[in-house]
Structure formats: structure tokens, C-alpha cells
Protein backbone atom coordinates (compact mmCIF):
# COMPACT_ATOMS: atom_id res chain seq x y z
CA UNK A 1 -105.61 -28.70 133.30
CA UNK A 2 -108.09 -26.56 134.90
CA UNK A 3 -107.54 -24.06 137.88
CA UNK A 4 -108.96 -21.38 139.39
CA UNK A 5 -107.17 -18.52 141.30
CA UNK A 6 -109.03 -16.92 143.92
CA UNK A 7 -106.84 -14.37 144.71
CA UNK A 8 -109.64 -12.33 146.54
CA UNK A 9 -109.84 -15.41 148.93
CA UNK A 10 -106.39 -14.44 150.06
CA UNK A 11 -108.03 -11.35 151.98
CA UNK A 12 -110.87 -13.29 153.64
CA UNK A 13 -113.34 -12.60 151.11
CA UNK A 14 -114.77 -15.96 149.12
CA UNK A 15 -117.18 -14.15 147.17
CA UNK A 16 -120.64 -13.21 147.89
CA UNK A 17 -123.05 -15.67 148.56
CA UNK A 18 -126.46 -15.78 146.28
CA UNK A 19 -129.43 -14.40 148.92
CA UNK A 20 -133.01 -16.01 148.29
CA UNK A 21 -135.32 -14.00 146.06
CA UNK A 22 -138.23 -14.52 148.48
CA UNK A 23 -138.00 -13.00 151.97
CA UNK A 24 -137.40 -15.44 155.07
CA UNK A 25 -138.58 -14.77 157.99
CA UNK A 26 -137.57 -17.60 159.93
CA UNK A 27 -134.65 -19.53 158.42
CA UNK A 28 -135.54 -22.38 160.37
CA UNK A 29 -139.11 -23.47 158.67
CA UNK A 30 -137.83 -23.15 155.64
CA UNK A 31 -133.71 -24.44 155.46
CA UNK A 32 -132.21 -27.02 157.83
CA UNK A 33 -130.02 -26.19 159.87
CA UNK A 34 -126.61 -25.19 158.59
CA UNK A 35 -127.51 -26.00 155.53
CA UNK A 36 -127.06 -22.75 153.70
CA UNK A 37 -126.19 -20.52 156.52
CA UNK A 38 -126.70 -17.15 154.64
CA UNK A 39 -128.78 -15.37 157.91
CA UNK A 40 -127.78 -11.53 157.37
CA UNK A 41 -126.55 -10.18 161.07
CA UNK A 42 -127.17 -7.42 162.38
CA UNK A 43 -124.48 -4.71 162.16
CA UNK A 44 -125.53 -3.29 165.08
CA UNK A 45 -123.11 -1.85 167.88
CA UNK A 46 -122.14 -4.27 170.19
CA UNK A 47 -123.95 -4.01 173.98
CA UNK A 48 -121.46 -3.52 176.72
CA UNK A 49 -123.31 -5.93 179.09
CA UNK A 50 -122.95 -6.55 182.52
CA UNK A 51 -122.06 -10.03 183.50
CA UNK A 52 -125.16 -12.33 184.75
CA UNK A 53 -123.81 -12.29 188.38
CA UNK A 54 -124.71 -8.30 188.54
CA UNK A 55 -121.19 -7.63 189.83
CA UNK A 56 -119.88 -4.68 187.61
CA UNK A 57 -116.52 -4.86 186.78
CA UNK A 58 -116.45 -2.42 183.60
CA UNK A 59 -112.96 -2.70 181.88
CA UNK A 60 -113.61 -6.99 181.87
CA UNK A 61 -116.66 -6.21 180.78
CA UNK A 62 -115.91 -3.80 177.76
CA UNK A 63 -112.60 -6.41 176.69
CA UNK A 64 -115.79 -9.17 176.65
CA UNK A 65 -117.70 -7.36 174.32
CA UNK A 66 -114.97 -5.55 171.77
CA UNK A 67 -114.09 -9.79 171.42
CA UNK A 68 -117.04 -10.29 170.41
CA UNK A 69 -117.97 -7.66 168.52
CA UNK A 70 -115.05 -9.05 166.76
CA UNK A 71 -115.92 -12.04 166.61
CA UNK A 72 -119.12 -10.81 165.00
CA UNK A 73 -117.82 -8.62 162.46
CA UNK A 74 -115.21 -11.30 161.32
CA UNK A 75 -118.06 -13.21 160.63
CA UNK A 76 -119.95 -11.01 158.50
CA UNK A 77 -117.85 -10.00 156.11
CA UNK A 78 -116.97 -14.67 155.31
CA UNK A 79 -120.74 -14.53 154.99
CA UNK A 80 -120.76 -11.15 152.56
CA UNK A 81 -118.08 -9.67 150.29
CA UNK A 82 -118.08 -6.36 149.40
CA UNK A 83 -116.88 -7.40 145.65
CA UNK A 84 -119.33 -8.36 142.96
CA UNK A 85 -119.22 -12.47 142.77
CA UNK A 86 -117.78 -11.02 138.67
CA UNK A 87 -115.37 -9.09 140.01
CA UNK A 88 -114.31 -12.94 141.91
CA UNK A 89 -114.16 -14.92 138.53
CA UNK A 90 -112.17 -12.49 136.48
CA UNK A 91 -109.92 -12.52 139.31
CA UNK A 92 -110.13 -16.20 139.48
CA UNK A 93 -109.95 -16.85 135.27
CA UNK A 94 -106.72 -14.44 135.58
CA UNK A 95 -107.48 -11.21 133.76
CA UNK A 96 -107.34 -9.31 137.34
CA UNK A 97 -103.63 -7.84 137.91
CA UNK A 98 -103.65 -8.10 141.89
CA UNK A 99 -102.79 -12.08 142.48
CA UNK A 100 -99.03 -11.22 142.92
CA UNK A 101 -99.71 -8.30 145.54
CA UNK A 102 -101.87 -10.15 147.44
CA UNK A 103 -99.53 -12.84 147.46
CA UNK A 104 -96.95 -10.83 148.36
CA UNK A 105 -99.06 -9.64 151.16
CA UNK A 106 -99.93 -13.29 152.57
CA UNK A 107 -95.98 -13.90 152.31
CA UNK A 108 -94.92 -11.31 153.62
CA UNK A 109 -96.88 -12.00 157.41
CA UNK A 110 -96.27 -15.13 157.46
CA UNK A 111 -92.37 -14.14 156.63
CA UNK A 112 -92.74 -11.37 159.76
CA UNK A 113 -95.31 -12.44 162.29
CA UNK A 114 -95.96 -9.94 164.77
CA UNK A 115 -96.61 -11.35 168.40
CA UNK A 116 -96.39 -7.86 170.22
CA UNK A 117 -99.83 -7.74 168.23
CA UNK A 118 -102.18 -6.48 171.38
CA UNK A 119 -105.41 -4.84 168.66
CA UNK A 120 -107.16 -6.81 166.01
CA UNK A 121 -105.51 -3.50 164.27
CA UNK A 122 -102.22 -4.80 164.17
CA UNK A 123 -103.10 -8.04 161.79
CA UNK A 124 -101.71 -7.98 158.82
CA UNK A 125 -104.50 -7.00 157.10
CA UNK A 126 -108.10 -6.00 157.95
CA UNK A 127 -109.76 -9.03 157.03
CA UNK A 128 -106.75 -11.04 157.70
CA UNK A 129 -108.17 -14.53 159.32
CA UNK A 130 -111.64 -14.34 158.74
CA UNK A 131 -111.61 -17.86 157.18
CA UNK A 132 -111.57 -19.28 160.60
CA UNK A 133 -115.39 -17.30 161.13
CA UNK A 134 -118.06 -19.68 160.01
CA UNK A 135 -120.85 -18.78 158.56
CA UNK A 136 -123.89 -19.24 161.05
CA UNK A 137 -127.40 -19.87 162.08
CA UNK A 138 -127.47 -15.99 163.39
CA UNK A 139 -130.44 -17.57 166.17
CA UNK A 140 -128.26 -20.12 167.06
CA UNK A 141 -125.06 -17.46 167.39
CA UNK A 142 -126.95 -15.70 169.66
CA UNK A 143 -127.75 -18.37 172.01
CA UNK A 144 -124.33 -19.38 172.07
CA UNK A 145 -122.65 -16.34 172.51
CA UNK A 146 -124.96 -15.63 176.18
CA UNK A 147 -122.96 -18.58 177.47
CA UNK A 148 -119.40 -17.13 178.41
CA UNK A 149 -121.61 -13.97 179.40
CA UNK A 150 -123.12 -16.16 182.67
CA UNK A 151 -119.91 -16.75 183.80
CA UNK A 152 -118.16 -13.69 186.12
CA UNK A 153 -114.94 -14.42 185.29
CA UNK A 154 -113.19 -12.41 182.31
CA UNK A 155 -113.21 -14.83 179.55
CA UNK A 156 -110.76 -13.46 176.42
CA UNK A 157 -111.41 -16.15 174.06
CA UNK A 158 -114.27 -18.77 173.04
CA UNK A 159 -115.26 -21.28 170.91
CA UNK A 160 -117.96 -23.78 170.32
CA UNK A 161 -117.29 -26.36 168.54
CA UNK A 162 -117.96 -30.27 168.25
CA UNK A 163 -121.12 -32.51 166.50
CA UNK A 164 -123.77 -30.36 169.18
CA UNK A 165 -123.04 -27.51 166.76
CA UNK A 166 -121.59 -29.08 163.56
CA UNK A 167 -123.63 -32.19 163.20
CA UNK A 168 -122.45 -34.92 162.17
CA UNK A 169 -125.13 -36.52 160.08
CA UNK A 170 -127.44 -35.84 157.61
CA UNK A 171 -130.80 -34.46 158.81
CA UNK A 172 -133.34 -37.06 159.72
CA UNK A 173 -136.36 -35.35 160.30
CA UNK A 174 -137.04 -36.35 163.86
CA UNK A 175 -138.92 -34.53 166.27
CA UNK A 176 -137.94 -35.46 169.73
CA UNK A 177 -140.63 -35.54 172.34
CA UNK A 178 -140.69 -32.82 175.19
CA UNK A 179 -138.90 -35.33 177.40
CA UNK A 180 -136.16 -36.65 175.52
CA UNK A 181 -135.36 -32.82 175.02
CA UNK A 182 -135.77 -32.43 179.01
CA UNK A 183 -132.95 -35.19 179.44
CA UNK A 184 -130.15 -33.39 177.90
CA UNK A 185 -131.06 -29.76 177.94
CA UNK A 186 -133.03 -28.95 180.72
CA UNK A 187 -134.87 -25.59 179.74
CA UNK A 188 -133.49 -25.30 175.83
CA UNK A 189 -134.33 -21.77 173.94
CA UNK A 190 -136.15 -23.03 170.59
CA UNK A 191 -133.53 -22.12 168.70
CA UNK A 192 -131.09 -24.68 170.05
CA UNK A 193 -134.46 -27.37 169.72
CA UNK A 194 -133.83 -26.88 165.93
CA UNK A 195 -130.56 -26.88 165.23
CA UNK A 196 -129.25 -29.97 166.81
CA UNK A 197 -132.37 -31.71 164.67
CA UNK A 198 -134.17 -34.13 167.00
CA UNK A 199 -131.06 -35.46 168.00
CA UNK A 200 -130.75 -33.01 171.55
CA UNK A 201 -126.47 -32.80 172.39
CA UNK A 202 -124.66 -31.79 174.97
CA UNK A 203 -122.75 -28.35 173.85
CA UNK A 204 -119.10 -28.09 173.84
CA UNK A 205 -117.39 -24.64 174.89
CA UNK A 206 -113.38 -23.91 174.74
CA UNK A 207 -112.92 -21.11 177.26
CA UNK A 208 -109.22 -18.73 176.26
CA UNK A 209 -107.90 -16.90 179.69
CA UNK A 210 -104.71 -14.86 181.37
CA UNK A 211 -104.83 -16.11 184.31
CA UNK A 212 -105.75 -19.70 185.06
CA UNK A 213 -105.64 -19.58 189.12
CA UNK A 214 -107.27 -16.47 189.29
CA UNK A 215 -110.20 -17.12 186.54
CA UNK A 216 -110.72 -20.56 188.29
CA UNK A 217 -110.92 -18.87 192.25
CA UNK A 218 -113.87 -16.75 190.58
CA UNK A 219 -115.27 -19.31 189.35
CA UNK A 220 -115.92 -21.26 191.77
CA UNK A 221 -117.64 -19.09 194.00
CA UNK A 222 -119.65 -18.07 191.58
CA UNK A 223 -120.03 -21.72 190.36
CA UNK A 224 -118.45 -24.27 193.17
CA UNK A 225 -121.12 -26.84 191.49
CA UNK A 226 -119.51 -27.51 188.52
CA UNK A 227 -116.62 -28.95 190.17
CA UNK A 228 -115.38 -32.37 191.67
CA UNK A 229 -113.89 -32.66 194.89
CA UNK A 230 -110.70 -31.40 193.40
CA UNK A 231 -112.31 -27.08 193.99
CA UNK A 232 -112.33 -28.03 197.84
CA UNK A 233 -108.66 -28.06 197.75
CA UNK A 234 -108.77 -24.61 196.51
CA UNK A 235 -107.95 -22.63 192.95
CA UNK A 236 -104.42 -23.30 193.68
CA UNK A 237 -104.72 -26.91 193.25
CA UNK A 238 -107.24 -26.80 190.11
CA UNK A 239 -105.06 -24.83 188.24
CA UNK A 240 -102.16 -27.06 189.35
CA UNK A 241 -103.72 -29.97 187.21
CA UNK A 242 -104.92 -28.52 184.57
CA UNK A 243 -101.49 -26.73 183.83
CA UNK A 244 -99.03 -29.56 185.34
CA UNK A 245 -101.26 -32.37 183.90
CA UNK A 246 -102.61 -33.73 180.13
CA UNK A 247 -102.62 -30.93 177.32
CA UNK A 248 -103.04 -27.84 180.02
CA UNK A 249 -107.37 -28.16 179.52
CA UNK A 250 -109.42 -28.38 182.87
CA UNK A 251 -112.96 -29.36 181.53
CA UNK A 252 -116.45 -28.99 183.48
CA UNK A 253 -119.01 -31.36 181.97
CA UNK A 254 -122.32 -31.51 182.48
CA UNK A 255 -123.11 -28.22 184.03
CA UNK A 256 -125.98 -26.59 182.68
CA UNK A 257 -125.92 -22.89 181.95
CA UNK A 258 -128.89 -21.12 180.55
CA UNK A 259 -131.09 -23.82 180.31
CA UNK A 260 -128.57 -25.65 178.32
CA UNK A 261 -126.03 -28.80 179.30
CA UNK A 262 -122.59 -27.95 178.26
CA UNK A 263 -119.10 -29.09 178.83
CA UNK A 264 -116.32 -26.23 178.94
CA UNK A 265 -113.04 -26.23 178.83
CA UNK A 266 -110.34 -23.80 180.23
CA UNK A 267 -106.40 -23.32 178.82
CA UNK A 268 -104.58 -20.88 179.19
CA UNK A 269 -104.03 -18.32 176.06
CA UNK A 270 -100.03 -18.83 176.64
CA UNK A 271 -100.79 -22.78 175.88
CA UNK A 272 -103.36 -21.71 173.68
CA UNK A 273 -100.82 -20.09 171.60
CA UNK A 274 -97.61 -22.61 172.04
CA UNK A 275 -99.95 -25.59 170.66
CA UNK A 276 -101.37 -23.57 167.53
CA UNK A 277 -97.84 -22.25 166.87
CA UNK A 278 -95.49 -25.09 167.59
CA UNK A 279 -97.53 -28.19 167.96
CA UNK A 280 -96.50 -29.32 171.51
CA UNK A 281 -99.43 -31.19 172.17
CA UNK A 282 -102.32 -31.21 168.79
CA UNK A 283 -105.13 -31.05 171.52
CA UNK A 284 -106.14 -27.73 170.73
CA UNK A 285 -104.23 -27.28 168.09
CA UNK A 286 -106.22 -30.10 166.19
CA UNK A 287 -109.92 -29.25 167.66
CA UNK A 288 -109.18 -25.77 165.95
CA UNK A 289 -107.62 -27.48 162.75
CA UNK A 290 -111.69 -28.29 161.85
CA UNK A 291 -114.57 -25.44 161.78
CA UNK A 292 -115.45 -24.30 164.86
CA UNK A 293 -117.87 -21.46 165.79
CA UNK A 294 -115.97 -18.43 167.59
CA UNK A 295 -118.06 -16.43 169.96
CA UNK A 296 -115.00 -14.48 171.22
CA UNK A 297 -111.81 -13.87 169.23
CA UNK A 298 -108.09 -12.87 169.78
CA UNK A 299 -105.61 -10.62 167.95
CA UNK A 300 -102.80 -13.02 168.77
CA UNK A 301 -105.10 -16.53 168.73
CA UNK A 302 -106.15 -15.86 165.25
CA UNK A 303 -102.72 -15.16 163.53
CA UNK A 304 -101.37 -17.98 165.55
CA UNK A 305 -104.40 -20.04 164.34
CA UNK A 306 -103.69 -19.16 160.75
CA UNK A 307 -100.30 -20.92 161.19
CA UNK A 308 -102.17 -23.57 162.46
CA UNK A 309 -104.33 -24.19 159.55
CA UNK A 310 -101.51 -23.40 157.51
CA UNK A 311 -99.19 -26.28 158.98
CA UNK A 312 -102.30 -28.78 159.24
CA UNK A 313 -102.47 -28.44 154.73
CA UNK A 314 -99.08 -28.89 154.66
CA UNK A 315 -98.82 -31.65 156.84
CA UNK A 316 -101.64 -33.11 155.09
CA UNK A 317 -99.88 -32.70 151.74
CA UNK A 318 -96.82 -34.04 153.41
CA UNK A 319 -99.44 -37.81 153.61
CA UNK A 320 -100.88 -37.30 149.84
CA UNK A 321 -100.85 -38.34 146.90
CA UNK A 322 -100.16 -36.38 143.78
CA UNK A 323 -103.46 -36.12 143.48
CA UNK A 324 -106.75 -36.52 145.00
CA UNK A 325 -109.68 -34.72 146.60
CA UNK A 326 -111.20 -32.29 148.76
CA UNK A 327 -112.69 -34.84 150.58
CA UNK A 328 -109.51 -36.63 151.42
CA UNK A 329 -107.32 -33.78 151.90
CA UNK A 330 -109.74 -32.78 154.78
CA UNK A 331 -110.42 -35.69 155.83
CA UNK A 332 -106.33 -36.05 156.03
CA UNK A 333 -106.19 -32.55 158.10
CA UNK A 334 -109.37 -33.56 160.12
CA UNK A 335 -107.83 -36.85 161.39
CA UNK A 336 -104.30 -35.55 162.24
CA UNK A 337 -105.62 -35.29 165.90
CA UNK A 338 -106.95 -37.97 166.17
CA UNK A 339 -103.68 -40.26 165.38
CA UNK A 340 -102.25 -41.46 168.53
CA UNK A 341 -105.74 -40.43 170.78
CA UNK A 342 -106.16 -43.19 173.21
CA UNK A 343 -110.01 -43.14 172.57
CA UNK A 344 -110.15 -44.09 168.89
CA UNK A 345 -107.75 -46.99 170.17
CA UNK A 346 -110.75 -48.03 172.71
CA UNK A 347 -114.06 -49.24 171.87
CA UNK A 348 -115.11 -45.32 172.96
CA UNK A 349 -115.73 -43.55 169.81
CA UNK A 350 -117.51 -43.57 166.69
CA UNK A 351 -115.17 -45.44 163.79
CA UNK A 352 -116.28 -42.96 161.56
CA UNK A 353 -115.97 -40.10 163.12
CA UNK A 354 -113.95 -38.48 160.65
CA UNK A 355 -115.54 -39.16 157.73
CA UNK A 356 -118.55 -37.87 159.68
CA UNK A 357 -117.72 -35.02 160.40
CA UNK A 358 -116.19 -34.05 156.40
CA UNK A 359 -118.87 -35.15 154.82
CA UNK A 360 -121.45 -32.93 156.15
CA UNK A 361 -119.03 -30.30 156.57
CA UNK A 362 -117.76 -29.82 153.47
CA UNK A 363 -118.29 -26.23 152.66
CA UNK A 364 -117.47 -25.34 156.26
CA UNK A 365 -113.96 -27.27 155.65
CA UNK A 366 -113.70 -25.23 152.15
CA UNK A 367 -114.31 -22.23 154.01
CA UNK A 368 -111.59 -22.36 156.45
CA UNK A 369 -108.96 -23.76 153.88
CA UNK A 370 -109.29 -22.15 150.55
CA UNK A 371 -107.62 -19.44 151.44
CA UNK A 372 -104.77 -20.83 152.52
CA UNK A 373 -104.92 -23.57 149.38
CA UNK A 374 -104.30 -20.33 147.59
CA UNK A 375 -101.20 -19.20 149.31
CA UNK A 376 -99.03 -22.23 148.94
CA UNK A 377 -97.03 -22.57 145.22
CA UNK A 378 -97.21 -26.32 145.44
CA UNK A 379 -101.18 -26.86 144.83
CA UNK A 380 -104.22 -25.74 143.13
CA UNK A 381 -107.84 -27.01 142.23
CA UNK A 382 -107.75 -28.62 139.03
CA UNK A 383 -111.86 -29.47 138.72
CA UNK A 384 -113.60 -27.77 135.85
CA UNK A 385 -116.69 -27.98 138.57
CA UNK A 386 -114.78 -24.74 139.28
CA UNK A 387 -116.35 -22.85 137.29
CA UNK A 388 -119.85 -22.96 138.91
CA UNK A 389 -120.94 -20.38 140.16
CA UNK A 390 -120.97 -19.96 143.57
CA UNK A 391 -118.82 -23.22 143.76
CA UNK A 392 -117.21 -22.30 146.65
CA UNK A 393 -120.26 -22.87 148.83
CA UNK A 394 -121.51 -25.72 147.43
CA UNK A 395 -120.47 -29.18 149.32
CA UNK A 396 -119.65 -31.11 146.16
CA UNK A 397 -115.58 -32.95 146.51
CA UNK A 398 -113.50 -31.04 143.64
CA UNK A 399 -109.91 -32.33 142.67
CA UNK A 400 -107.09 -30.95 143.11
CA UNK A 401 -103.23 -31.62 142.41
CA UNK A 402 -99.64 -30.95 144.02
CA UNK A 403 -96.48 -30.17 143.26
CA UNK A 404 -94.01 -32.94 144.06
CA UNK A 405 -91.20 -30.97 143.66
CA UNK A 406 -88.60 -32.51 146.19
CA UNK A 407 -86.98 -28.27 146.57
CA UNK A 408 -91.01 -26.95 147.42
CA UNK A 409 -91.78 -30.33 149.77
CA UNK A 410 -88.24 -29.29 151.02
CA UNK A 411 -89.81 -25.80 152.16
CA UNK A 412 -93.34 -27.09 153.39
CA UNK A 413 -91.39 -29.52 155.69
CA UNK A 414 -88.51 -26.98 156.95
CA UNK A 415 -91.93 -24.47 157.84
CA UNK A 416 -93.63 -27.10 160.17
CA UNK A 417 -94.07 -26.01 163.31
CA UNK A 418 -90.87 -26.42 165.46
CA UNK A 419 -91.52 -29.16 167.84
CA UNK A 420 -93.32 -30.99 165.35
CA UNK A 421 -90.30 -30.49 162.71
CA UNK A 422 -87.81 -31.25 165.46
CA UNK A 423 -89.72 -35.08 165.82
CA UNK A 424 -89.89 -36.13 162.26
CA UNK A 425 -85.66 -34.67 162.26
CA UNK A 426 -84.92 -37.19 164.53
CA UNK A 427 -86.92 -40.08 162.93
CA UNK A 428 -85.10 -39.27 160.02
CA UNK A 429 -81.97 -38.61 161.90
CA UNK A 430 -81.51 -42.56 162.23
CA UNK A 431 -82.70 -43.53 159.45
CA UNK A 432 -80.33 -41.68 157.04
CA UNK A 433 -77.56 -42.10 159.65
CA UNK A 434 -76.86 -38.57 160.00
CA UNK A 435 -73.38 -38.28 162.53
CA UNK A 436 -74.87 -37.17 165.73
CA UNK A 437 -72.36 -33.96 165.95
CA UNK A 438 -73.77 -32.44 162.47
CA UNK A 439 -77.21 -33.33 163.30
CA UNK A 440 -76.75 -31.16 166.85
CA UNK A 441 -75.24 -28.42 164.93
CA UNK A 442 -78.58 -28.05 162.86
CA UNK A 443 -81.08 -28.62 165.75
CA UNK A 444 -79.09 -26.40 167.57
CA UNK A 445 -79.66 -23.73 164.10
CA UNK A 446 -83.48 -24.29 164.64
CA UNK A 447 -83.49 -23.39 168.32
CA UNK A 448 -81.60 -19.85 167.53
CA UNK A 449 -83.95 -19.18 165.06
CA UNK A 450 -85.98 -15.73 166.36
CA UNK A 451 -89.38 -14.70 165.14
CA UNK A 452 -88.38 -12.76 162.13
CA UNK A 453 -86.02 -15.66 160.41
CA UNK A 454 -89.16 -17.38 158.09
CA UNK A 455 -87.86 -16.08 154.95
CA UNK A 456 -84.33 -17.78 155.36
CA UNK A 457 -86.52 -21.35 156.71
CA UNK A 458 -86.36 -22.91 153.23
CA UNK A 459 -85.53 -26.43 153.11
CA UNK A 460 -81.57 -27.83 152.41
CA UNK A 461 -80.29 -30.98 151.81
CA UNK A 462 -81.27 -32.92 154.86
CA UNK A 463 -85.38 -31.74 154.04
CA UNK A 464 -84.80 -31.82 150.12
CA UNK A 465 -83.95 -35.86 151.15
CA UNK A 466 -86.96 -36.38 153.65
CA UNK A 467 -89.31 -34.44 150.69
CA UNK A 468 -87.37 -37.32 148.52
CA UNK A 469 -88.20 -40.66 150.33
CA UNK A 470 -90.71 -43.36 149.49
CA UNK A 471 -93.92 -41.69 149.71
CA UNK A 472 -95.04 -44.46 151.71
CA UNK A 473 -92.18 -44.24 154.24
CA UNK A 474 -93.07 -40.43 154.01
CA UNK A 475 -96.52 -41.28 155.17
CA UNK A 476 -95.02 -43.51 157.90
CA UNK A 477 -92.70 -41.42 159.44
CA UNK A 478 -95.14 -38.34 159.56
CA UNK A 479 -97.57 -40.52 161.40
CA UNK A 480 -95.24 -41.82 162.96
CA UNK A 481 -94.60 -38.51 164.46
CA UNK A 482 -97.86 -37.27 165.00
CA UNK A 483 -98.81 -40.28 167.06
CA UNK A 484 -96.17 -39.58 169.41
CA UNK A 485 -97.34 -35.64 169.75
CA UNK A 486 -101.24 -36.59 170.60
CA UNK A 487 -100.53 -39.53 172.41
CA UNK A 488 -99.18 -38.86 175.98
CA UNK A 489 -100.97 -35.40 176.30
CA UNK A 490 -104.79 -37.55 175.35
CA UNK A 491 -103.74 -40.25 177.45
CA UNK A 492 -102.27 -37.45 180.71
CA UNK A 493 -105.73 -35.45 179.60
CA UNK A 494 -108.26 -38.62 179.76
CA UNK A 495 -106.52 -40.09 182.86
CA UNK A 496 -106.90 -36.58 184.64
CA UNK A 497 -110.70 -36.98 183.89
CA UNK A 498 -112.30 -38.44 186.78
CA UNK A 499 -109.69 -35.72 188.99
CA UNK A 500 -111.47 -32.64 187.57
CA UNK A 501 -115.07 -34.00 186.51
CA UNK A 502 -115.48 -36.61 189.03
CA UNK A 503 -116.08 -40.24 188.71
CA UNK A 504 -119.80 -40.20 188.36
CA UNK A 505 -119.81 -37.69 185.03
CA UNK A 506 -116.48 -39.17 184.09
CA UNK A 507 -118.18 -42.61 184.20
CA UNK A 508 -121.37 -41.15 182.35
CA UNK A 509 -119.19 -39.82 179.69
CA UNK A 510 -117.15 -42.74 179.30
CA UNK A 511 -120.81 -44.85 178.80
CA UNK A 512 -121.72 -41.78 176.11
CA UNK A 513 -118.84 -41.99 174.13
CA UNK A 514 -119.22 -46.25 173.94
CA UNK A 515 -123.09 -45.87 172.61
CA UNK A 516 -121.58 -43.82 169.65
CA UNK A 517 -119.13 -46.46 169.45
CA UNK A 518 -121.38 -49.06 168.89
CA UNK A 519 -123.21 -46.79 167.13
CA UNK A 520 -121.09 -46.57 164.32
CA UNK A 521 -119.86 -50.00 164.17
CA UNK A 522 -123.88 -51.29 163.31
CA UNK A 523 -124.40 -48.52 160.99
CA UNK A 524 -121.16 -50.00 159.36
CA UNK A 525 -122.70 -53.33 159.49
CA UNK A 526 -126.23 -52.22 157.98
CA UNK A 527 -124.14 -50.36 155.02
CA UNK A 528 -121.65 -53.36 154.71
CA UNK A 529 -124.83 -55.93 154.12
CA UNK A 530 -126.47 -53.60 152.18
CA UNK A 531 -123.12 -53.26 150.19
CA UNK A 532 -123.54 -57.18 149.45
CA UNK A 533 -126.62 -57.43 149.19
CA UNK A 534 -126.82 -55.33 145.63
CA UNK A 535 -123.56 -57.43 144.82
CA UNK A 536 -125.82 -60.63 145.08
CA UNK A 537 -128.70 -59.16 143.07
CA UNK A 538 -126.35 -57.80 140.45
CA UNK A 539 -124.34 -61.33 140.33
CA UNK A 540 -128.25 -63.06 140.17
CA UNK A 541 -129.56 -60.89 137.02
CA UNK A 542 -126.62 -61.35 135.05
């Protein structure tokens, strides 16, 4: 068995990426967008900027600058490392002695999560969670960072996501006309035009805020045109619809900020944290299980998201066979949040969406999950490709193996997010015919867990029975629970779209989604036709 352990990755460093030998003055002219995001970020001190409206709120401005600087620092750490590539190789080959101490350090933060953290200094270690920060094109990132500064209302956590940020197809080389660009982005900066590579798209953002009603009150005064008629009822009505309907997110799509067409969703930080740690809706947790560009970071959300990513990895392992590829692993993870999503059942989404997301972002998915793969005792790489130089930054899909020992898999079941795990227990209570009294006792013990009891969260007899179930049956039940978790919040979130976005914008959004569905079907049909012709030609030759 060929394995490579990389303890350094547990601290957030994946080894230094080899820089080009010739100086690149403008990376856009020599590199395809995002193909090799090694542009070095400036380490200058963050500038404390005032809000775009000119209203001076020194405290909030400073806070926003601090959270932005934290994201910049983590991104810089993510794309470079103080350790040499040779040192990483030595540790990977097992010659180093730091492996056990690093694994112990990781277990400590998971065993005793500190939910009272107030600053990034309170995180388990300096590089904790930097795997969540994708190395990114510097010019495009600077453009994205300006978007939150266009809002007077305070934003504590922000990220950009979707195909407008991370391309889901290979570069076509096509150059869009000026009219095509203006039809999407009225005054798009050159960095946006280059990054979106011939296919201008709306850029999606999520803003995490402390108090939704206060935030909307401020934002409605500044950006009333972003809202539908619902805003005429006041910020109380807007925040009520946001917090009580759907997944707790309020979207304003098709608005222009700094000449760029964007859609932004607003979520209360407490709602986001709960979804990341408990999976009560998987609406935003699912989005953060895929590569995103974090523009403003928050220490508590970084900790919660690290748990979310680890839970996604464990869930995927329960769905996968003993041997699988990286592409299969990441596709399973990326597909979690789409199970039960009504958009996937209707002709409103590209049927190849998951495949496209993973196939064109392999290095980013590896960046996100490699440090976590290294923390689990029951999965490892088994591929000679791990011996190649800078393999962690490549696009090849490598082979992995997992230990199917029921004790280890039972521990994974026990460590799934609380709300999700409870639903899975209910499914198996019915299958195993567990007496209600015994089941209630077990559930009560689960509810009484406190935040420092993770060391005792080891699978017992019930969890091992689940882990020993027929693999096909286990996959069926896990998928059922995912659908139960996703279906209702996603459906109600979609249904409130006409109220929060307005009927005209909602109709435009549906038409674009249906167009993506048709494009995906056409591509699948064309591919199937070409493969059929190739087989026919081979048969004729024989």
C-alpha cells in the first residue's frame, strides 16, 4: 500500500507551491483564470476604510477591516508555507516525529470546542482552518473585497461563491462582446471580465450579520432599490420573513454594485453557526462544503465550518465503498446539499452541476479536505501519485481507501451533527424495532451532551449496528435523512423568492435556471451521441 501522511497539513500548510522562474507582471495574460492561483498577495497592513456612503462609524469600519484582514492572512498562509517542500516530503514519508503531536492537537480542538471565542487568537492554533481559504487571483479578489464595503450596514462574515467565482467548465477561449458584458455587468472591472472567461455571470455573495432587523433597516435606507415591495412594510417584516420562512436567508438578486451584477443573501450569524454545527437545514452548510472565497472571516464561524467540513467528510465515507477516488469523494460531498433540493427534481438546474463543480475545481476541493482526511484514522491515500512533486496542487484524481471496521464507522455515526444524527437514529429505530422507551432514553442522553463531551461521543452498540448494516441499506437511509434535512427548507426558501425578490426578478432567475438545464441536457445528448458514433466506428473496424 502506497500512503503519504502529511501532518503539516493538519496545521493548515500544504507545502510551498513552486513559483514561476520568470517574472509575471500580469498573470491574466499568461495564465488561464484560476488554473494556477499562485499570485502572491501583498502583506501590507489592512487599510481601515470608511463606508461607501461616507457615514463615519469607526467601530464598525475597524471591525470590518479586521475581519477582512483575517481572511487575507489566512489566504496568504493557504498558498505559501514557511516549511520547505523537502520538509513536507520528509514528514509524508514518516521520517518526522511530529505526526502524533499534530494529530493530538487536532483531536483536542474537536474534543473541546471553545464556543466562547471572541477573536482569532482564541482558535486552537495560528493556522487553524486556513484550508477554508482558497488561493485566488489577486486582482479578482480585490474587486470582490470592495463589494461588502459598498454597504453601510455592518457585515461580519462574507463569502463569494458559485460559477461566477469558480468556473464550472474549462476555458473556451471565447472573448465576449462589449454588449454581452454590459448586458450582465453594466461597468464590469477588467478583472471580472478576465476571470469569468468569455461567459459573464452574476456573482453570488452571502453576508453574515449580527442583527437582521437592524441590518435591513440600515440597508433599506441606503439601498431601497435592492428590495421588493415587501420592504414597504418595514425592516420588521423583512427580518420576520427572513428568519421564519425557509432556511433563514434573505436574498436580493440582480442588483448592481460597483458596476457588477450580484446576488447577495443575508443571514444571522447564529443561524449560520447552528446550521454548520447541527445541520438543521444544510442550506448554507452545504454551500460551505464546496470551495468558496471568504472575504471577511469570523473566528466562531471558522471553527463551526471546520466541524461542518469534517461532518461532510464522515457522511461521504458512510456513502462510499472501501476503495474510491478523490473525484468520487468530492462529488459525494458536493452532492449532499442537492439531495432533496426541489430545483434538481425540476428542469431548473443543470443535471451535470455536481460533476462540473468537482471536475473543474479538483485542486480547490483537495485544498479544502486534505487536512481533514489526514485527521481521520480510517481513511488514507493509496496512490503512487502522492509521491509526485507538488501533487497536492495537481488536478489528478487519486485513489483512497477506508477502513470498514464497524467500531470506527460507529464512531463516525456518533459524531455526525446532532440534528442530522437524530433523524438517522429515527430511521434505524424503525428498522431495528428498538423499543420506544429504550430509544427515548438514548435520545435524551444525546440531548444532554454538553459542548465539552466530545471525548465520550464514541459509538455504542446501536451505532455499530448501523455501521454494520448492509452498505446499500446504509446508503439508502443516509440519503433519505439528507433529503429530509434539505427538502423542506430548500422548498420554502424557493417559495418565498417572489416575496423577497419580487415576481419579475424571480421569473428572470427561473428562466436562467431552465436555460442551464437545457444546456446541460444538450451537452449530455451530444456527448452520448459522440460516444455512440465512436463505438460504431470501432465495431465496423472489427
